[in-house]
Amino acid sequence: MTTETTTQQWVKSSYSDNGGSCVEWAPTTAATTGTVPVRDSKDPGGPALGVPAAAFAAFVAGVKAGDFDTV
């Protein structure tokens, strides 16, 4: 899926550190398309990955629950 990356309002993940490894997402798009665009903040003009809203919500819930902790 190709997603227009310049006209959406992008939000940085609260779980991203300030070391430049940030993930951004466009939350308002999900309400109209059912897809959450996600991109690398270091390349704002680059491609965005379109994730189904339900899958994105499950991923966020897993992050909050610590399901992906490496330690």
N, C-alpha and C. Protein backbone atom coordinates (compact mmCIF):
# COMPACT_ATOMS: atom_id res chain seq x y z
N MET A 1 0.84 -1.18 0.00
CA MET A 1 0.00 0.00 0.00
C MET A 1 0.89 1.25 0.00
N THR A 2 0.58 2.18 -0.83
CA THR A 2 1.29 3.45 -0.82
C THR A 2 0.46 4.45 -0.04
N THR A 3 1.10 5.14 0.86
CA THR A 3 0.40 6.10 1.69
C THR A 3 1.04 7.46 1.52
N GLU A 4 0.25 8.49 1.28
CA GLU A 4 0.76 9.85 1.17
C GLU A 4 1.30 10.27 2.52
N THR A 5 2.58 10.63 2.56
CA THR A 5 3.21 10.92 3.85
C THR A 5 3.30 12.39 4.18
N THR A 6 2.91 13.27 3.29
CA THR A 6 3.11 14.70 3.55
C THR A 6 1.88 15.40 4.09
N THR A 7 0.67 14.89 3.87
CA THR A 7 -0.54 15.61 4.26
C THR A 7 -1.14 15.10 5.57
N GLN A 8 -0.59 14.05 6.13
CA GLN A 8 -1.12 13.50 7.36
C GLN A 8 -0.43 14.14 8.57
N GLN A 9 -1.11 14.11 9.69
CA GLN A 9 -0.50 14.58 10.93
C GLN A 9 0.17 13.39 11.60
N TRP A 10 1.48 13.46 11.72
CA TRP A 10 2.28 12.36 12.25
C TRP A 10 2.57 12.58 13.73
N VAL A 11 2.58 11.50 14.50
CA VAL A 11 2.84 11.52 15.93
C VAL A 11 3.98 10.55 16.21
N LYS A 12 4.94 10.99 17.04
CA LYS A 12 6.03 10.09 17.43
C LYS A 12 5.55 9.18 18.54
N SER A 13 5.99 7.95 18.48
CA SER A 13 5.65 6.99 19.51
C SER A 13 6.23 7.43 20.85
N SER A 14 5.44 7.29 21.89
CA SER A 14 5.94 7.63 23.23
C SER A 14 6.97 6.60 23.70
N TYR A 15 7.07 5.48 23.02
CA TYR A 15 8.05 4.46 23.36
C TYR A 15 9.37 4.63 22.61
N SER A 16 9.42 5.59 21.68
CA SER A 16 10.66 5.84 20.95
C SER A 16 11.59 6.64 21.83
N ASP A 17 12.88 6.30 21.78
CA ASP A 17 13.84 7.08 22.56
C ASP A 17 14.29 8.29 21.75
N ASN A 18 15.09 9.13 22.32
CA ASN A 18 15.56 10.33 21.63
C ASN A 18 16.84 10.09 20.86
N GLY A 19 17.21 8.85 20.64
CA GLY A 19 18.44 8.52 19.94
C GLY A 19 18.29 8.50 18.43
N GLY A 20 17.16 8.95 17.92
CA GLY A 20 16.96 8.99 16.48
C GLY A 20 16.25 7.77 15.92
N SER A 21 15.97 6.79 16.75
CA SER A 21 15.28 5.58 16.30
C SER A 21 13.80 5.70 16.61
N CYS A 22 13.15 6.65 15.98
CA CYS A 22 11.76 6.93 16.29
C CYS A 22 10.81 6.37 15.23
N VAL A 23 9.68 5.95 15.71
CA VAL A 23 8.59 5.50 14.86
C VAL A 23 7.50 6.56 14.94
N GLU A 24 6.92 6.90 13.81
CA GLU A 24 5.80 7.84 13.78
C GLU A 24 4.60 7.13 13.18
N TRP A 25 3.44 7.56 13.60
CA TRP A 25 2.20 7.02 13.06
C TRP A 25 1.20 8.14 12.85
N ALA A 26 0.23 7.90 11.98
CA ALA A 26 -0.79 8.91 11.66
C ALA A 26 -2.14 8.39 12.17
N PRO A 27 -2.48 8.70 13.42
CA PRO A 27 -3.67 8.10 14.04
C PRO A 27 -5.00 8.49 13.41
N THR A 28 -5.11 9.69 12.87
CA THR A 28 -6.41 10.11 12.34
C THR A 28 -6.78 9.37 11.05
N THR A 29 -5.82 8.78 10.39
CA THR A 29 -6.10 8.05 9.16
C THR A 29 -6.91 6.78 9.41
N ALA A 30 -6.71 6.15 10.55
CA ALA A 30 -7.38 4.89 10.85
C ALA A 30 -8.90 5.02 10.84
N ALA A 31 -9.40 6.14 11.32
CA ALA A 31 -10.86 6.33 11.39
C ALA A 31 -11.50 6.33 10.01
N THR A 32 -10.80 6.84 9.01
CA THR A 32 -11.40 6.94 7.68
C THR A 32 -11.01 5.79 6.76
N THR A 33 -9.86 5.15 7.00
CA THR A 33 -9.39 4.12 6.08
C THR A 33 -9.29 2.73 6.70
N GLY A 34 -9.28 2.65 8.05
CA GLY A 34 -9.10 1.37 8.71
C GLY A 34 -7.65 0.91 8.70
N THR A 35 -6.77 1.79 8.26
CA THR A 35 -5.34 1.49 8.18
C THR A 35 -4.56 2.56 8.92
N VAL A 36 -3.53 2.13 9.67
CA VAL A 36 -2.67 3.06 10.39
C VAL A 36 -1.34 3.15 9.67
N PRO A 37 -1.00 4.31 9.09
CA PRO A 37 0.30 4.47 8.47
C PRO A 37 1.39 4.60 9.53
N VAL A 38 2.51 3.91 9.32
CA VAL A 38 3.66 3.95 10.22
C VAL A 38 4.89 4.24 9.38
N ARG A 39 5.78 5.11 9.89
CA ARG A 39 6.98 5.44 9.11
C ARG A 39 8.18 5.66 10.03
N ASP A 40 9.33 5.70 9.43
CA ASP A 40 10.59 6.01 10.11
C ASP A 40 10.73 7.53 10.18
N SER A 41 10.89 8.07 11.37
CA SER A 41 10.96 9.53 11.51
C SER A 41 12.20 10.13 10.86
N LYS A 42 13.22 9.32 10.63
CA LYS A 42 14.43 9.83 9.99
C LYS A 42 14.23 10.04 8.49
N ASP A 43 13.15 9.49 7.94
CA ASP A 43 12.88 9.58 6.51
C ASP A 43 11.42 9.98 6.29
N PRO A 44 11.06 11.22 6.70
CA PRO A 44 9.65 11.61 6.63
C PRO A 44 9.06 11.65 5.22
N GLY A 45 9.88 11.78 4.22
CA GLY A 45 9.37 11.78 2.85
C GLY A 45 9.37 10.39 2.24
N GLY A 46 9.85 9.42 3.01
CA GLY A 46 9.95 8.05 2.51
C GLY A 46 8.63 7.32 2.62
N PRO A 47 8.69 6.02 2.40
CA PRO A 47 7.45 5.23 2.40
C PRO A 47 6.89 5.05 3.80
N ALA A 48 5.61 4.78 3.85
CA ALA A 48 4.92 4.45 5.09
C ALA A 48 4.33 3.06 4.94
N LEU A 49 4.37 2.32 6.01
CA LEU A 49 3.79 0.99 6.03
C LEU A 49 2.35 1.11 6.51
N GLY A 50 1.41 0.56 5.76
CA GLY A 50 0.01 0.60 6.16
C GLY A 50 -0.34 -0.64 6.96
N VAL A 51 -0.73 -0.48 8.21
CA VAL A 51 -1.05 -1.60 9.10
C VAL A 51 -2.55 -1.57 9.39
N PRO A 52 -3.24 -2.70 9.25
CA PRO A 52 -4.66 -2.71 9.62
C PRO A 52 -4.84 -2.22 11.06
N ALA A 53 -5.86 -1.41 11.28
CA ALA A 53 -6.07 -0.77 12.59
C ALA A 53 -6.16 -1.80 13.72
N ALA A 54 -6.83 -2.92 13.51
CA ALA A 54 -6.96 -3.93 14.57
C ALA A 54 -5.59 -4.54 14.90
N ALA A 55 -4.77 -4.78 13.90
CA ALA A 55 -3.44 -5.33 14.14
C ALA A 55 -2.56 -4.32 14.87
N PHE A 56 -2.69 -3.04 14.51
CA PHE A 56 -1.91 -2.01 15.19
C PHE A 56 -2.33 -1.90 16.65
N ALA A 57 -3.62 -1.95 16.92
CA ALA A 57 -4.11 -1.88 18.29
C ALA A 57 -3.60 -3.07 19.11
N ALA A 58 -3.59 -4.26 18.51
CA ALA A 58 -3.07 -5.44 19.21
C ALA A 58 -1.58 -5.30 19.49
N PHE A 59 -0.84 -4.74 18.54
CA PHE A 59 0.59 -4.51 18.74
C PHE A 59 0.83 -3.54 19.89
N VAL A 60 0.11 -2.42 19.90
CA VAL A 60 0.28 -1.43 20.97
C VAL A 60 -0.07 -2.04 22.32
N ALA A 61 -1.13 -2.83 22.38
CA ALA A 61 -1.50 -3.49 23.63
C ALA A 61 -0.38 -4.44 24.08
N GLY A 62 0.24 -5.13 23.14
CA GLY A 62 1.35 -6.02 23.48
C GLY A 62 2.56 -5.27 23.99
N VAL A 63 2.85 -4.11 23.39
CA VAL A 63 3.97 -3.29 23.87
C VAL A 63 3.70 -2.83 25.29
N LYS A 64 2.50 -2.34 25.53
CA LYS A 64 2.15 -1.86 26.87
C LYS A 64 2.19 -2.98 27.91
N ALA A 65 1.86 -4.20 27.51
CA ALA A 65 1.86 -5.34 28.41
C ALA A 65 3.25 -5.93 28.63
N GLY A 66 4.23 -5.45 27.84
CA GLY A 66 5.59 -5.96 27.98
C GLY A 66 5.85 -7.24 27.20
N ASP A 67 4.96 -7.59 26.29
CA ASP A 67 5.10 -8.84 25.54
C ASP A 67 6.37 -8.88 24.67
N PHE A 68 6.94 -7.72 24.35
CA PHE A 68 8.09 -7.69 23.47
C PHE A 68 9.38 -7.30 24.19
N ASP A 69 9.34 -7.24 25.51
CA ASP A 69 10.53 -6.90 26.28
C ASP A 69 11.61 -7.95 26.02
N THR A 70 12.83 -7.48 25.89
CA THR A 70 13.93 -8.41 25.59
C THR A 70 14.70 -8.82 26.83
N VAL A 71 14.42 -8.19 27.94
CA VAL A 71 15.15 -8.52 29.18
C VAL A 71 14.22 -9.20 30.16
